[in-house]
């Protein structure tokens, strides 16, 4: 008899992970800090809209958030790339 679990990720319910809270709560506090100054209110709404966009779930795979996909894109674009070129001579096997 085997006992299986769906995921080993630590969750706070059906779709909320601890990593989401680690990113979402500081984003909320930064928004509140920016919103408290009158001259930064417009920028605080822009920041809030970007933060909410990053927390949207997408269906590329199970329970991914947009910030995870953007991190993967940046890792792919800026990783070190090593290319190897080997020139072969005609007639050699």
N, C-alpha and C. Protein backbone atom coordinates (compact mmCIF):
# COMPACT_ATOMS: atom_id res chain seq x y z
N UNK A 1 0.85 -1.18 0.00
CA UNK A 1 0.00 0.00 0.00
C UNK A 1 0.89 1.24 0.00
N UNK A 2 0.62 2.14 -0.92
CA UNK A 2 1.40 3.35 -1.06
C UNK A 2 0.55 4.58 -0.75
N UNK A 3 1.14 5.53 -0.09
CA UNK A 3 0.47 6.80 0.15
C UNK A 3 1.13 7.83 -0.74
N UNK A 4 0.36 8.47 -1.59
CA UNK A 4 0.92 9.46 -2.51
C UNK A 4 0.39 10.84 -2.16
N UNK A 5 1.20 11.84 -2.46
CA UNK A 5 0.77 13.21 -2.29
C UNK A 5 0.83 13.89 -3.65
N UNK A 6 0.02 14.92 -3.83
CA UNK A 6 -0.03 15.61 -5.11
C UNK A 6 1.20 16.46 -5.33
N UNK A 7 1.66 17.14 -4.30
CA UNK A 7 2.78 18.05 -4.47
C UNK A 7 3.55 18.14 -3.16
N UNK A 8 4.86 18.41 -3.27
CA UNK A 8 5.65 18.59 -2.07
C UNK A 8 5.81 20.07 -1.73
N UNK A 9 5.21 20.94 -2.53
CA UNK A 9 5.29 22.37 -2.26
C UNK A 9 4.45 22.73 -1.04
N UNK A 10 4.94 23.67 -0.27
CA UNK A 10 4.19 24.12 0.90
C UNK A 10 3.14 25.13 0.43
N UNK A 11 1.89 24.84 0.71
CA UNK A 11 0.81 25.70 0.27
C UNK A 11 -0.02 26.18 1.45
N UNK A 12 -0.75 27.24 1.20
CA UNK A 12 -1.66 27.78 2.21
C UNK A 12 -3.10 27.61 1.79
N UNK A 13 -3.37 26.64 1.04
CA UNK A 13 -4.72 26.44 0.55
C UNK A 13 -4.62 25.78 -0.81
N UNK A 14 -5.59 26.04 -1.63
CA UNK A 14 -5.63 25.35 -2.91
C UNK A 14 -4.56 25.83 -3.88
N UNK A 15 -4.38 27.15 -4.05
CA UNK A 15 -3.46 27.64 -5.06
C UNK A 15 -2.46 28.66 -4.54
N UNK A 16 -2.38 28.91 -3.25
CA UNK A 16 -1.48 29.92 -2.71
C UNK A 16 -0.28 29.23 -2.08
N UNK A 17 0.92 29.59 -2.56
CA UNK A 17 2.14 29.02 -2.02
C UNK A 17 2.82 30.06 -1.12
N UNK A 18 3.77 29.58 -0.33
CA UNK A 18 4.51 30.49 0.54
C UNK A 18 5.33 31.49 -0.27
N UNK A 19 5.87 31.08 -1.40
CA UNK A 19 6.65 31.98 -2.24
C UNK A 19 5.80 33.15 -2.72
N UNK A 20 4.53 32.90 -2.99
CA UNK A 20 3.62 33.98 -3.38
C UNK A 20 3.48 35.01 -2.27
N UNK A 21 3.42 34.53 -1.03
CA UNK A 21 3.34 35.46 0.09
C UNK A 21 4.64 36.22 0.30
N UNK A 22 5.76 35.53 0.10
CA UNK A 22 7.06 36.20 0.26
C UNK A 22 7.25 37.32 -0.74
N UNK A 23 6.62 37.23 -1.89
CA UNK A 23 6.71 38.28 -2.89
C UNK A 23 5.56 39.27 -2.76
N UNK A 24 4.38 38.79 -2.46
CA UNK A 24 3.20 39.64 -2.42
C UNK A 24 3.14 40.59 -1.23
N UNK A 25 3.53 40.14 -0.06
CA UNK A 25 3.46 41.01 1.12
C UNK A 25 4.43 42.19 1.05
N UNK A 26 5.68 42.00 0.67
CA UNK A 26 6.54 43.19 0.50
C UNK A 26 6.03 44.13 -0.60
N UNK A 27 5.45 43.57 -1.65
CA UNK A 27 4.88 44.41 -2.70
C UNK A 27 3.74 45.26 -2.15
N UNK A 28 2.92 44.69 -1.28
CA UNK A 28 1.84 45.43 -0.66
C UNK A 28 2.37 46.55 0.23
N UNK A 29 3.39 46.25 1.02
CA UNK A 29 3.95 47.28 1.90
C UNK A 29 4.65 48.39 1.12
N UNK A 30 5.30 48.05 0.02
CA UNK A 30 5.91 49.08 -0.82
C UNK A 30 4.84 49.96 -1.43
N UNK A 31 3.73 49.35 -1.87
CA UNK A 31 2.62 50.15 -2.40
C UNK A 31 2.07 51.10 -1.34
N UNK A 32 1.86 50.60 -0.13
CA UNK A 32 1.32 51.46 0.93
C UNK A 32 2.29 52.58 1.27
N UNK A 33 3.58 52.30 1.27
CA UNK A 33 4.58 53.32 1.55
C UNK A 33 4.58 54.39 0.45
N UNK A 34 4.53 53.98 -0.81
CA UNK A 34 4.51 54.95 -1.91
C UNK A 34 3.20 55.74 -1.93
N UNK A 35 2.10 55.09 -1.59
CA UNK A 35 0.80 55.75 -1.62
C UNK A 35 0.67 56.79 -0.51
N UNK A 36 1.46 56.66 0.53
CA UNK A 36 1.36 57.61 1.64
C UNK A 36 1.92 58.99 1.28
N UNK A 37 2.74 59.08 0.25
CA UNK A 37 3.25 60.37 -0.22
C UNK A 37 2.41 60.84 -1.40
N UNK A 38 1.98 62.08 -1.35
CA UNK A 38 1.08 62.61 -2.37
C UNK A 38 1.76 62.65 -3.74
N UNK A 39 3.02 62.98 -3.78
CA UNK A 39 3.70 63.10 -5.07
C UNK A 39 3.95 61.74 -5.74
N UNK A 40 3.88 60.64 -5.00
CA UNK A 40 4.13 59.32 -5.56
C UNK A 40 2.87 58.48 -5.75
N UNK A 41 1.71 59.06 -5.64
CA UNK A 41 0.48 58.25 -5.73
C UNK A 41 0.28 57.65 -7.12
N UNK A 42 0.57 58.41 -8.16
CA UNK A 42 0.42 57.87 -9.51
C UNK A 42 1.37 56.69 -9.72
N UNK A 43 2.62 56.83 -9.27
CA UNK A 43 3.58 55.75 -9.41
C UNK A 43 3.22 54.54 -8.55
N UNK A 44 2.57 54.80 -7.42
CA UNK A 44 2.15 53.67 -6.58
C UNK A 44 1.06 52.85 -7.26
N UNK A 45 0.16 53.50 -8.01
CA UNK A 45 -0.86 52.74 -8.74
C UNK A 45 -0.25 51.95 -9.89
N UNK A 46 0.75 52.52 -10.54
CA UNK A 46 1.45 51.78 -11.60
C UNK A 46 2.15 50.57 -10.99
N UNK A 47 2.81 50.77 -9.86
CA UNK A 47 3.48 49.67 -9.18
C UNK A 47 2.48 48.59 -8.75
N UNK A 48 1.34 49.00 -8.24
CA UNK A 48 0.32 48.04 -7.82
C UNK A 48 -0.20 47.24 -9.01
N UNK A 49 -0.42 47.89 -10.14
CA UNK A 49 -0.92 47.17 -11.31
C UNK A 49 0.11 46.16 -11.82
N UNK A 50 1.40 46.51 -11.79
CA UNK A 50 2.44 45.57 -12.20
C UNK A 50 2.52 44.41 -11.21
N UNK A 51 2.43 44.71 -9.92
CA UNK A 51 2.50 43.65 -8.90
C UNK A 51 1.31 42.69 -9.01
N UNK A 52 0.14 43.22 -9.27
CA UNK A 52 -1.04 42.35 -9.43
C UNK A 52 -0.90 41.51 -10.70
N UNK A 53 -0.37 42.12 -11.77
CA UNK A 53 -0.15 41.37 -13.01
C UNK A 53 0.82 40.22 -12.79
N UNK A 54 1.85 40.45 -11.99
CA UNK A 54 2.83 39.40 -11.73
C UNK A 54 2.25 38.25 -10.90
N UNK A 55 1.24 38.51 -10.12
CA UNK A 55 0.65 37.48 -9.28
C UNK A 55 -0.47 36.70 -9.97
N UNK A 56 -0.80 37.05 -11.21
CA UNK A 56 -1.87 36.33 -11.91
C UNK A 56 -1.45 34.91 -12.22
N UNK A 57 -2.32 33.94 -12.00
CA UNK A 57 -1.98 32.56 -12.38
C UNK A 57 -2.13 32.38 -13.89
N UNK A 58 -1.25 31.59 -14.47
CA UNK A 58 -1.33 31.29 -15.90
C UNK A 58 -1.32 29.79 -16.07
N UNK A 59 -1.73 29.34 -17.23
CA UNK A 59 -1.91 27.91 -17.44
C UNK A 59 -0.81 27.26 -18.27
N UNK A 60 0.43 27.76 -18.19
CA UNK A 60 1.50 27.07 -18.90
C UNK A 60 1.84 25.76 -18.22
N UNK A 61 1.77 25.75 -16.93
CA UNK A 61 1.87 24.50 -16.19
C UNK A 61 1.12 24.69 -14.88
N UNK A 62 1.25 23.76 -13.96
CA UNK A 62 0.41 23.79 -12.76
C UNK A 62 0.75 24.97 -11.86
N UNK A 63 -0.21 25.76 -11.54
CA UNK A 63 -0.16 26.81 -10.51
C UNK A 63 1.01 27.78 -10.67
N UNK A 64 1.42 28.07 -11.88
CA UNK A 64 2.48 29.05 -12.07
C UNK A 64 1.91 30.46 -12.01
N UNK A 65 2.70 31.36 -11.52
CA UNK A 65 2.35 32.76 -11.52
C UNK A 65 3.19 33.44 -12.59
N UNK A 66 2.79 34.62 -12.98
CA UNK A 66 3.47 35.32 -14.05
C UNK A 66 4.91 35.67 -13.68
N UNK A 67 5.19 35.95 -12.41
CA UNK A 67 6.56 36.30 -12.04
C UNK A 67 7.50 35.13 -12.23
N UNK A 68 7.01 33.89 -12.07
CA UNK A 68 7.86 32.73 -12.28
C UNK A 68 8.22 32.59 -13.75
N UNK A 69 7.25 32.87 -14.63
CA UNK A 69 7.52 32.77 -16.06
C UNK A 69 8.50 33.86 -16.49
N UNK A 70 8.36 35.07 -15.97
CA UNK A 70 9.27 36.15 -16.33
C UNK A 70 10.68 35.86 -15.82
N UNK A 71 10.81 35.26 -14.65
CA UNK A 71 12.13 34.87 -14.14
C UNK A 71 12.75 33.82 -15.06
N UNK A 72 11.96 32.86 -15.52
CA UNK A 72 12.48 31.85 -16.45
C UNK A 72 12.91 32.46 -17.77
N UNK A 73 12.17 33.45 -18.26
CA UNK A 73 12.52 34.12 -19.52
C UNK A 73 13.84 34.87 -19.36
N UNK A 74 14.00 35.61 -18.26
CA UNK A 74 15.25 36.34 -18.03
C UNK A 74 16.43 35.38 -17.85
N UNK A 75 16.21 34.27 -17.18
CA UNK A 75 17.29 33.28 -17.04
C UNK A 75 17.69 32.71 -18.39
N UNK A 76 16.72 32.48 -19.26
CA UNK A 76 17.02 31.96 -20.59
C UNK A 76 17.74 32.99 -21.45
N UNK A 77 17.31 34.23 -21.40
CA UNK A 77 17.90 35.26 -22.24
C UNK A 77 19.31 35.65 -21.81
N UNK A 78 19.56 35.68 -20.53
CA UNK A 78 20.83 36.20 -20.04
C UNK A 78 21.78 35.13 -19.50
N UNK A 79 21.50 33.87 -19.76
CA UNK A 79 22.43 32.84 -19.31
C UNK A 79 23.65 32.83 -20.22
N UNK A 80 24.75 32.34 -19.71
CA UNK A 80 25.96 32.31 -20.52
C UNK A 80 25.82 31.22 -21.58
N UNK A 81 26.13 31.61 -22.79
CA UNK A 81 25.98 30.70 -23.92
C UNK A 81 27.37 30.37 -24.45
N UNK A 82 27.66 29.11 -24.59
CA UNK A 82 28.94 28.66 -25.13
C UNK A 82 28.65 27.89 -26.41
N UNK A 83 29.28 28.32 -27.48
CA UNK A 83 29.09 27.68 -28.76
C UNK A 83 30.38 26.98 -29.15
N UNK A 84 30.27 25.81 -29.69
CA UNK A 84 31.43 25.05 -30.16
C UNK A 84 31.28 24.82 -31.65
N UNK A 85 32.36 25.04 -32.37
CA UNK A 85 32.36 24.84 -33.81
C UNK A 85 33.50 23.91 -34.16
N UNK A 86 33.20 22.84 -34.83
CA UNK A 86 34.20 21.88 -35.26
C UNK A 86 34.17 21.79 -36.78
N UNK A 87 35.28 22.06 -37.38
CA UNK A 87 35.39 21.99 -38.83
C UNK A 87 35.91 20.61 -39.20
N UNK A 88 35.19 19.92 -40.06
CA UNK A 88 35.61 18.59 -40.50
C UNK A 88 36.24 18.71 -41.87
N UNK A 89 37.18 17.83 -42.15
CA UNK A 89 37.85 17.83 -43.45
C UNK A 89 37.11 16.88 -44.38
N UNK A 90 37.13 17.24 -45.66
CA UNK A 90 36.49 16.36 -46.64
C UNK A 90 37.30 15.10 -46.81
N UNK A 91 36.62 14.03 -46.95
CA UNK A 91 37.27 12.76 -47.21
C UNK A 91 37.68 11.99 -45.98
N UNK A 92 37.59 12.58 -44.80
CA UNK A 92 37.96 11.83 -43.60
C UNK A 92 36.71 11.28 -42.94
N UNK A 93 36.82 10.11 -42.39
CA UNK A 93 35.65 9.47 -41.76
C UNK A 93 35.59 9.77 -40.30
